Protein backbone atom coordinates (compact mmCIF):
# COMPACT_ATOMS: atom_id res chain seq x y z
CA MET A 1 -18.29 40.72 -61.05
CA ASP A 2 -19.07 44.28 -62.18
CA PHE A 3 -22.70 45.51 -62.26
CA VAL A 4 -23.44 45.67 -66.52
CA THR A 5 -27.01 46.82 -67.98
CA SER A 6 -27.90 46.83 -71.81
CA THR A 7 -30.98 47.63 -73.57
CA ARG A 8 -32.49 45.81 -76.27
CA GLN A 9 -35.55 46.25 -78.09
CA ALA A 10 -38.09 43.12 -78.95
CA GLY A 11 -41.10 45.03 -80.74
CA SER A 12 -43.03 47.67 -78.36
CA VAL A 13 -41.11 45.90 -75.39
CA THR A 14 -37.77 46.97 -73.94
CA ILE A 15 -35.34 44.17 -72.42
CA VAL A 16 -32.98 45.32 -69.89
CA ASP A 17 -30.24 42.76 -69.35
CA ILE A 18 -28.39 42.92 -66.17
CA SER A 19 -25.32 41.16 -64.99
CA GLY A 20 -23.56 41.32 -61.46
CA ARG A 21 -24.58 42.14 -58.25
CA ILE A 22 -27.34 44.44 -57.43
CA VAL A 23 -26.29 46.28 -54.26
CA LEU A 24 -26.41 49.48 -52.08
CA GLY A 25 -24.69 52.28 -54.02
CA GLN A 26 -24.02 52.92 -57.66
CA GLU A 27 -25.71 49.59 -58.88
CA SER A 28 -28.85 50.73 -57.38
CA ALA A 29 -28.67 54.05 -58.40
CA SER A 30 -27.78 52.95 -62.02
CA LEU A 31 -30.69 50.74 -62.06
CA ARG A 32 -33.07 53.13 -60.73
CA ASN A 33 -31.80 55.78 -63.17
CA LEU A 34 -31.93 53.24 -66.07
CA ILE A 35 -35.72 52.76 -65.68
CA ASN A 36 -36.46 56.69 -65.15
CA ASP A 37 -34.79 57.41 -68.39
CA LEU A 38 -36.21 54.32 -70.33
CA LEU A 39 -40.18 55.99 -69.03
CA SER A 40 -38.62 59.62 -69.73
CA LYS A 41 -38.31 58.48 -73.50
CA GLY A 42 -42.03 56.64 -73.41
CA GLN A 43 -40.71 53.20 -73.13
CA LYS A 44 -43.53 51.84 -70.64
CA LYS A 45 -43.26 48.08 -71.55
CA ILE A 46 -40.12 46.89 -69.68
CA LEU A 47 -38.72 43.23 -68.79
CA ILE A 48 -35.65 43.03 -66.83
CA ASN A 49 -33.71 39.87 -67.27
CA LEU A 50 -31.88 38.72 -64.17
CA ALA A 51 -30.32 35.72 -65.74
CA ASP A 52 -26.82 36.91 -64.87
CA VAL A 53 -27.63 38.69 -61.51
CA SER A 54 -25.49 36.94 -59.34
CA TYR A 55 -26.39 38.97 -56.08
CA ILE A 56 -29.21 41.24 -55.13
CA ASP A 57 -29.08 42.76 -51.72
CA SER A 58 -31.92 44.93 -49.42
CA SER A 59 -31.17 47.89 -51.70
CA GLY A 60 -31.16 46.29 -54.89
CA LEU A 61 -35.02 44.53 -54.22
CA GLY A 62 -35.73 48.31 -53.18
CA SER A 63 -34.83 49.71 -56.73
CA LEU A 64 -36.70 47.02 -58.20
CA VAL A 65 -39.68 47.64 -56.18
CA GLY A 66 -39.40 51.26 -56.78
CA SER A 67 -38.95 50.96 -60.77
CA PHE A 68 -41.89 48.64 -60.41
CA THR A 69 -44.12 51.38 -58.86
CA SER A 70 -42.45 54.29 -61.09
CA VAL A 71 -43.60 52.06 -64.34
CA ARG A 72 -46.73 51.48 -62.75
CA LYS A 73 -47.70 55.38 -61.78
CA GLN A 74 -47.27 55.95 -65.54
CA GLY A 75 -49.54 53.48 -66.90
CA GLY A 76 -46.63 50.46 -67.84
CA GLU A 77 -45.76 47.53 -67.19
CA LEU A 78 -42.59 46.10 -65.62
CA LYS A 79 -42.01 42.40 -65.38
CA LEU A 80 -38.91 39.92 -64.39
CA LEU A 81 -37.58 37.38 -66.83
CA ASN A 82 -35.11 34.45 -65.73
CA LEU A 83 -34.50 34.30 -61.84
CA THR A 84 -31.78 33.06 -60.84
CA HIS A 85 -32.07 30.34 -58.04
CA LYS A 86 -30.62 32.60 -54.91
CA VAL A 87 -32.98 36.04 -56.48
CA HIS A 88 -35.54 33.71 -56.84
CA ASP A 89 -35.40 32.39 -53.18
CA LEU A 90 -34.89 35.93 -52.37
CA LEU A 91 -38.29 37.05 -53.75
CA GLN A 92 -40.04 33.70 -52.12
CA ILE A 93 -38.71 34.84 -48.41
CA THR A 94 -39.41 38.61 -49.01
CA ARG A 95 -43.02 37.71 -50.32
CA LEU A 96 -42.22 39.52 -53.36
CA TYR A 97 -42.62 37.14 -55.75
CA THR A 98 -46.51 37.60 -55.87
CA ALA A 99 -45.97 41.50 -56.52
CA PHE A 100 -44.07 40.77 -59.88
CA ASP A 101 -44.92 39.16 -63.14
CA VAL A 102 -42.24 36.36 -63.11
CA MET A 103 -41.30 34.74 -66.50
CA ASP A 104 -38.64 32.20 -67.41
CA ASP A 105 -39.22 32.21 -71.25
CA GLU A 106 -38.39 35.66 -72.98
CA THR A 107 -40.56 35.00 -76.31
CA ALA A 108 -43.66 34.18 -73.73
CA ALA A 109 -42.48 36.96 -71.62
CA VAL A 110 -42.28 39.55 -74.58
CA ASN A 111 -45.69 38.36 -76.02
CA SER A 112 -47.76 38.80 -72.63
CA PHE A 113 -47.66 42.46 -72.25
CA GLY A 114 -51.09 43.94 -72.40
CA GLN A 115 -51.87 45.65 -75.95
CA ALA A 116 -53.38 48.89 -73.86
CA VAL A 117 -50.21 50.21 -73.02
CA THR A 118 -49.05 52.52 -76.37
CA PRO A 119 -45.27 51.82 -77.40
């Protein structure tokens, strides 16, 4: 399955829908570039929808962590939405589950973003 991303807006929150595999190489680089591009446009409330991600490797995890760090450094928030069972287990094993704000409901996730960050 090819790595595909698309973005959409829900109020001031940018939702990034990802499908495919987040692995070492072009996929991980594409994810980092997308997040950096959003930040450069002033979009600092980012929700990453992982519902259609079939696999993620250590490089993919590194991209998520790096993206999370970049967003935080700019005063923003990055949250994860709709983890697949495999991705959920991987985050549990690596203990990264506690680092990310993980949500299962898109509406609740969008509404959970703090009001302190200006759109």
